[in-house]
């Protein structure tokens, strides 16, 4: 059991790391990048999501790539800076903060993305072999089934198991398990469409905004 004195001394650093990670994670790169490029408010087209998939609906692949990179790196940067200043425990807390920031950004009335890119970025900062494993599972399933959402859901489910059973990173496994639960909760609509057989496949043409609830929709998992 942790010494209560050392925990008391560490608490301010953990809180600072959580707030720092949250503020970094809450930067809505998809919204900022598309507005700077003159594409308007990304929340008013397609799914209304601020992630890479919806940015791609503008027809500007370079903007989507920049969004993906930004959403990943904000998680990575939060983890690496916190690790440098406060050690591995602080890095884990900062990663949690970054993920919460992306899902619930204060600047957008707590309506953020779905977390896959930031999840991967946090993994990259914490332990890059686990990030490679996540990417490997995602790619294998995406090639086999062409469901971006399914690939992300299974890859995120496998991540804490691999961290615990294969890599022996117990604390990271616990934190990533928490992030996986939140990621799955954010994907509840995708899960419902997968069950119904109406989920859009990778490469499927995007439908107009606010499509019929039962109509197939393009994948939206990288926000």
Protein backbone atom coordinates (compact mmCIF):
# COMPACT_ATOMS: atom_id res chain seq x y z
CA UNK A 1 0.00 0.00 0.00
CA UNK A 2 1.45 3.44 -0.92
CA UNK A 3 2.86 5.51 1.91
CA UNK A 4 0.27 8.21 2.74
CA UNK A 5 2.91 10.92 3.11
CA UNK A 6 4.44 10.29 -0.32
CA UNK A 7 0.95 10.14 -1.85
CA UNK A 8 0.08 13.51 -0.27
CA UNK A 9 3.25 15.02 -1.68
CA UNK A 10 2.57 13.54 -5.12
CA UNK A 11 -1.07 14.58 -5.31
CA UNK A 12 -0.44 18.18 -6.50
CA UNK A 13 1.77 16.85 -9.31
CA UNK A 14 -0.87 14.32 -10.33
CA UNK A 15 -3.57 17.01 -10.36
CA UNK A 16 -1.30 19.32 -12.38
CA UNK A 17 -0.60 16.50 -14.84
CA UNK A 18 -4.31 15.75 -15.17
CA UNK A 19 -5.16 19.40 -15.89
CA UNK A 20 -2.20 19.79 -18.27
CA UNK A 21 -3.18 16.66 -20.16
CA UNK A 22 -6.82 17.74 -20.28
CA UNK A 23 -6.00 21.16 -21.72
CA UNK A 24 -3.75 19.65 -24.38
CA UNK A 25 -6.25 16.93 -25.21
CA UNK A 26 -9.11 19.40 -25.51
CA UNK A 27 -7.54 21.22 -28.47
CA UNK A 28 -10.04 20.50 -31.30
CA UNK A 29 -7.57 20.11 -34.14
CA UNK A 30 -10.22 19.05 -36.66
CA UNK A 31 -12.27 22.19 -36.04
CA UNK A 32 -9.27 24.53 -35.91
CA UNK A 33 -7.57 23.11 -39.01
CA UNK A 34 -10.69 23.17 -41.19
CA UNK A 35 -11.58 26.72 -40.15
CA UNK A 36 -8.06 27.97 -40.86
CA UNK A 37 -8.28 26.30 -44.28
CA UNK A 38 -11.54 28.09 -45.04
CA UNK A 39 -13.74 24.99 -44.84
CA UNK A 40 -16.12 26.40 -42.25
CA UNK A 41 -17.42 24.58 -39.16
CA UNK A 42 -16.73 20.84 -39.49
CA UNK A 43 -19.55 20.18 -37.01
CA UNK A 44 -22.10 21.29 -39.62
CA UNK A 45 -21.27 18.62 -42.20
CA UNK A 46 -21.47 14.83 -42.30
CA UNK A 47 -21.68 13.30 -38.85
CA UNK A 48 -20.88 16.56 -37.07
CA UNK A 49 -17.84 14.88 -35.48
CA UNK A 50 -14.56 16.79 -35.12
CA UNK A 51 -12.36 13.82 -36.02
CA UNK A 52 -10.41 12.74 -39.08
CA UNK A 53 -13.22 10.84 -40.81
CA UNK A 54 -15.52 13.85 -40.86
CA UNK A 55 -12.69 16.18 -41.92
CA UNK A 56 -12.10 13.80 -44.82
CA UNK A 57 -15.64 14.58 -46.00
CA UNK A 58 -14.45 18.05 -46.94
CA UNK A 59 -12.53 16.35 -49.75
CA UNK A 60 -9.23 17.67 -48.38
CA UNK A 61 -7.08 14.64 -47.56
CA UNK A 62 -4.21 16.77 -46.29
CA UNK A 63 -6.52 18.40 -43.73
CA UNK A 64 -7.67 14.96 -42.56
CA UNK A 65 -4.04 13.83 -42.25
CA UNK A 66 -3.17 16.93 -40.21
CA UNK A 67 -6.17 16.30 -37.95
CA UNK A 68 -5.12 12.69 -37.37
CA UNK A 69 -1.57 13.77 -36.59
CA UNK A 70 -2.69 16.53 -34.24
CA UNK A 71 -5.14 14.32 -32.35
CA UNK A 72 -2.47 11.66 -31.93
CA UNK A 73 0.39 13.94 -30.95
CA UNK A 74 -1.54 15.85 -28.30
CA UNK A 75 -1.77 12.58 -26.38
CA UNK A 76 1.86 11.71 -27.02
CA UNK A 77 3.16 15.17 -26.05
CA UNK A 78 1.12 15.25 -22.83
CA UNK A 79 2.55 11.89 -21.78
CA UNK A 80 6.17 12.66 -22.72
CA UNK A 81 6.27 16.06 -21.00
CA UNK A 82 4.65 14.68 -17.84
CA UNK A 83 7.08 11.75 -17.84
CA UNK A 84 10.02 14.12 -18.19
CA UNK A 85 8.88 16.36 -15.33
CA UNK A 86 7.23 13.91 -12.95
CA UNK A 87 8.05 10.33 -13.90
CA UNK A 88 6.00 7.39 -15.21
CA UNK A 89 3.10 7.67 -12.75
CA UNK A 90 2.58 11.30 -13.68
CA UNK A 91 2.74 10.37 -17.37
CA UNK A 92 -0.12 7.91 -16.93
CA UNK A 93 -2.24 10.59 -15.24
CA UNK A 94 -1.46 13.08 -18.03
CA UNK A 95 -2.52 10.48 -20.60
CA UNK A 96 -5.84 10.07 -18.83
CA UNK A 97 -6.27 13.85 -18.82
CA UNK A 98 -5.52 14.10 -22.55
CA UNK A 99 -8.10 11.44 -23.36
CA UNK A 100 -10.75 13.12 -21.22
CA UNK A 101 -9.91 16.42 -22.88
CA UNK A 102 -10.44 15.01 -26.35
CA UNK A 103 -13.72 13.31 -25.46
CA UNK A 104 -15.08 16.22 -23.41
CA UNK A 105 -13.37 19.50 -24.47
CA UNK A 106 -14.41 22.48 -22.41
CA UNK A 107 -14.16 24.74 -25.48
CA UNK A 108 -16.88 22.77 -27.32
CA UNK A 109 -19.33 22.37 -24.42
CA UNK A 110 -17.81 18.97 -23.64
CA UNK A 111 -18.78 17.50 -27.04
CA UNK A 112 -15.61 16.04 -28.47
CA UNK A 113 -14.38 13.19 -30.63
CA UNK A 114 -14.46 9.43 -30.14
CA UNK A 115 -10.87 9.08 -29.02
CA UNK A 116 -9.16 6.50 -31.25
CA UNK A 117 -6.36 8.74 -32.55
CA UNK A 118 -5.67 10.19 -29.10
CA UNK A 119 -5.79 6.68 -27.58
CA UNK A 120 -3.07 5.60 -30.02
CA UNK A 121 -1.03 8.73 -29.33
CA UNK A 122 -1.13 8.11 -25.58
CA UNK A 123 0.00 4.53 -26.14
CA UNK A 124 2.85 5.77 -28.32
CA UNK A 125 4.06 8.06 -25.55
CA UNK A 126 3.67 5.52 -22.76
CA UNK A 127 5.00 2.36 -24.42
CA UNK A 128 5.55 2.28 -28.18
CA UNK A 129 5.49 -1.56 -28.57
CA UNK A 130 1.88 -1.51 -27.36
CA UNK A 131 1.09 1.21 -29.91
CA UNK A 132 2.53 -1.00 -32.65
CA UNK A 133 0.41 -3.91 -31.40
CA UNK A 134 -2.71 -1.73 -31.45
CA UNK A 135 -1.94 -0.59 -35.00
CA UNK A 136 -1.26 -4.18 -36.08
CA UNK A 137 -4.60 -5.44 -34.76
CA UNK A 138 -6.43 -2.48 -36.31
CA UNK A 139 -4.84 -2.98 -39.74
CA UNK A 140 -5.42 -6.75 -39.76
CA UNK A 141 -9.11 -6.40 -38.92
CA UNK A 142 -9.61 -3.44 -41.26
CA UNK A 143 -8.16 -5.42 -44.16
CA UNK A 144 -10.21 -8.50 -43.29
CA UNK A 145 -13.59 -6.91 -42.56
CA UNK A 146 -13.34 -3.27 -43.76
CA UNK A 147 -15.05 -1.91 -40.63
CA UNK A 148 -13.03 0.92 -39.11
CA UNK A 149 -15.17 0.95 -35.98
CA UNK A 150 -14.86 -2.80 -35.40
CA UNK A 151 -11.09 -2.62 -35.91
CA UNK A 152 -10.74 0.16 -33.34
CA UNK A 153 -13.03 -1.52 -30.80
CA UNK A 154 -11.21 -4.86 -30.94
CA UNK A 155 -7.75 -3.24 -30.96
CA UNK A 156 -8.63 -1.19 -27.89
CA UNK A 157 -10.01 -4.27 -26.14
CA UNK A 158 -6.80 -6.19 -26.87
CA UNK A 159 -4.53 -3.37 -25.66
CA UNK A 160 -4.92 -3.68 -21.84
CA UNK A 161 -4.78 -7.47 -22.14
CA UNK A 162 -1.48 -7.30 -24.03
CA UNK A 163 -0.07 -4.68 -21.67
CA UNK A 164 -0.86 -6.89 -18.68
CA UNK A 165 -0.26 -10.42 -19.95
CA UNK A 166 2.48 -9.92 -22.54
CA UNK A 167 4.33 -6.72 -21.66
CA UNK A 168 3.91 -6.86 -17.86
CA UNK A 169 2.86 -3.20 -17.61
CA UNK A 170 0.19 -3.53 -14.94
CA UNK A 171 -0.41 0.17 -14.19
CA UNK A 172 -0.59 1.05 -17.88
CA UNK A 173 -2.96 -1.87 -18.45
CA UNK A 174 -5.30 -0.57 -15.76
CA UNK A 175 -5.33 2.94 -17.18
CA UNK A 176 -5.79 1.78 -20.78
CA UNK A 177 -8.63 -0.49 -19.64
CA UNK A 178 -10.37 2.62 -18.30
CA UNK A 179 -9.75 4.44 -21.59
CA UNK A 180 -11.08 1.43 -23.49
CA UNK A 181 -14.34 1.54 -21.51
CA UNK A 182 -14.76 5.23 -22.38
CA UNK A 183 -13.87 4.62 -26.02
CA UNK A 184 -16.48 1.86 -26.26
CA UNK A 185 -19.07 4.12 -24.63
CA UNK A 186 -18.34 6.82 -27.21
CA UNK A 187 -18.83 4.24 -29.96
CA UNK A 188 -22.25 3.05 -28.78
CA UNK A 189 -23.90 4.16 -32.03
CA UNK A 190 -21.29 2.31 -34.11
CA UNK A 191 -21.81 -0.80 -31.98
CA UNK A 192 -25.57 -0.61 -32.52
CA UNK A 193 -25.07 -0.32 -36.29
CA UNK A 194 -22.60 -3.22 -36.31
CA UNK A 195 -25.20 -5.38 -34.57
CA UNK A 196 -27.88 -4.30 -37.05
CA UNK A 197 -25.57 -4.79 -40.02
CA UNK A 198 -25.91 -1.15 -41.10
CA UNK A 199 -22.44 0.11 -40.20
CA UNK A 200 -20.54 1.72 -43.06
CA UNK A 201 -17.42 0.04 -44.39
CA UNK A 202 -14.05 1.62 -45.09
CA UNK A 203 -14.15 3.30 -48.49
CA UNK A 204 -17.93 3.56 -48.57
CA UNK A 205 -19.24 6.82 -50.01
CA UNK A 206 -20.27 9.31 -47.36
CA UNK A 207 -23.96 10.07 -46.96
CA UNK A 208 -25.42 13.55 -46.41
CA UNK A 209 -25.67 15.02 -42.93
CA UNK A 210 -28.34 13.57 -40.61
CA UNK A 211 -29.04 10.38 -42.60
CA UNK A 212 -31.82 7.99 -41.82
CA UNK A 213 -31.12 6.14 -38.59
CA UNK A 214 -31.31 2.72 -40.26
CA UNK A 215 -29.25 3.63 -43.34
CA UNK A 216 -25.61 2.48 -43.59
CA UNK A 217 -23.20 5.19 -42.54
CA UNK A 218 -19.50 5.71 -43.14
CA UNK A 219 -17.16 4.71 -40.30
CA UNK A 220 -16.52 7.33 -37.64
CA UNK A 221 -13.94 6.08 -35.19
CA UNK A 222 -10.86 8.26 -35.42
CA UNK A 223 -12.24 11.38 -33.81
